[in-house]
Amino acid sequence: MFARGMRGRLVRLPEAAGNDSGVTEPQREYGGPPLRLAVIGDSLAAGVGAASHEEALSGQLARTLTAMTGRAVSWRVSLTEATPAPA
């Protein structure tokens, strides 16, 4: 009941701006290709609340993987429609 009354009053927040893909710089010299990261989802993957995808989940995760492994990370964001909650 509460959700039905709120639908008309909820504000839709914008997605993160900027590129929805990127590559981090490696921290060490490796001969192999970059690790590949796909971030698939709805508002969390879209970076709602962040200024850019580099600051959102995808960019943060890619930088963390680079820091942990020393390897470059090629990342991409793919958005899906949110599944509505059952009434």
Protein backbone atom coordinates (compact mmCIF):
# COMPACT_ATOMS: atom_id res chain seq x y z
CA MET A 1 0.00 0.00 0.00
CA PHE A 2 2.76 2.45 0.94
CA ALA A 3 4.62 1.91 -2.36
CA ARG A 4 1.53 2.69 -4.43
CA GLY A 5 1.15 6.08 -2.77
CA MET A 6 4.82 6.96 -3.23
CA ARG A 7 5.14 6.20 -6.95
CA GLY A 8 4.03 9.65 -8.06
CA ARG A 9 6.28 11.43 -5.53
CA LEU A 10 9.57 9.61 -6.04
CA VAL A 11 12.38 11.50 -7.72
CA ARG A 12 14.33 9.69 -10.45
CA LEU A 13 18.03 10.28 -9.84
CA PRO A 14 20.35 10.64 -12.84
CA GLU A 15 22.82 7.99 -13.88
CA ALA A 16 26.55 8.65 -13.71
CA ALA A 17 27.91 10.77 -16.54
CA GLY A 18 30.79 9.94 -18.84
CA ASN A 19 31.96 6.83 -20.61
CA ASP A 20 30.40 3.49 -19.70
CA SER A 21 33.69 1.68 -20.34
CA GLY A 22 37.38 2.19 -19.71
CA VAL A 23 40.79 0.65 -19.03
CA THR A 24 42.93 1.17 -15.94
CA GLU A 25 46.70 1.59 -16.19
CA PRO A 26 48.74 -1.42 -15.05
CA GLN A 27 50.90 -0.96 -11.97
CA ARG A 28 53.41 -3.62 -13.00
CA GLU A 29 54.64 -4.93 -16.33
CA TYR A 30 52.68 -7.99 -17.46
CA GLY A 31 52.80 -9.59 -20.86
CA GLY A 32 49.17 -10.65 -20.86
CA PRO A 33 46.06 -8.75 -21.85
CA PRO A 34 44.07 -6.71 -19.31
CA LEU A 35 41.59 -8.42 -17.04
CA ARG A 36 38.04 -7.94 -18.32
CA LEU A 37 35.24 -6.76 -16.03
CA ALA A 38 31.54 -6.48 -16.89
CA VAL A 39 29.27 -4.69 -14.42
CA ILE A 40 25.67 -5.66 -15.22
CA GLY A 41 22.69 -4.34 -13.35
CA ASP A 42 20.25 -1.50 -12.83
CA SER A 43 20.71 1.59 -10.62
CA LEU A 44 23.85 0.36 -8.85
CA ALA A 45 25.57 -0.46 -12.15
CA ALA A 46 24.29 2.82 -13.65
CA GLY A 47 26.16 4.74 -10.97
CA VAL A 48 23.13 6.56 -9.59
CA GLY A 49 24.42 9.07 -7.05
CA ALA A 50 27.95 9.23 -8.52
CA ALA A 51 29.25 12.01 -10.75
CA SER A 52 30.90 9.60 -13.21
CA HIS A 53 31.33 5.88 -13.86
CA GLU A 54 34.96 6.20 -12.79
CA GLU A 55 33.70 7.18 -9.31
CA ALA A 56 30.87 4.62 -9.31
CA LEU A 57 30.98 0.86 -8.68
CA SER A 58 32.54 -0.02 -12.04
CA GLY A 59 35.48 2.38 -11.79
CA GLN A 60 36.09 1.68 -8.10
CA LEU A 61 36.08 -2.09 -8.67
CA ALA A 62 38.40 -1.81 -11.68
CA ARG A 63 40.89 0.31 -9.72
CA THR A 64 40.76 -2.10 -6.77
CA LEU A 65 41.44 -5.09 -9.04
CA THR A 66 44.38 -3.22 -10.57
CA ALA A 67 45.76 -2.43 -7.11
CA MET A 68 45.37 -6.06 -6.01
CA THR A 69 46.83 -7.68 -9.14
CA GLY A 70 49.00 -4.98 -10.71
CA ARG A 71 47.30 -5.70 -14.04
CA ALA A 72 45.27 -3.38 -16.23
CA VAL A 73 41.48 -3.88 -16.10
CA SER A 74 39.21 -3.29 -19.07
CA TRP A 75 35.72 -2.54 -17.72
CA ARG A 76 32.26 -1.99 -19.22
CA VAL A 77 28.85 -1.18 -17.75
CA SER A 78 25.71 -2.81 -19.15
CA LEU A 79 22.35 -1.65 -17.82
CA THR A 80 19.23 -3.74 -17.45
CA GLU A 81 15.69 -2.81 -16.52
CA ALA A 82 14.85 -3.15 -12.85
CA THR A 83 12.37 -5.85 -11.94
CA PRO A 84 9.42 -4.30 -10.14
CA ALA A 85 8.72 -5.48 -6.62
CA PRO A 86 5.62 -7.64 -6.23
CA ALA A 87 2.55 -5.72 -5.09
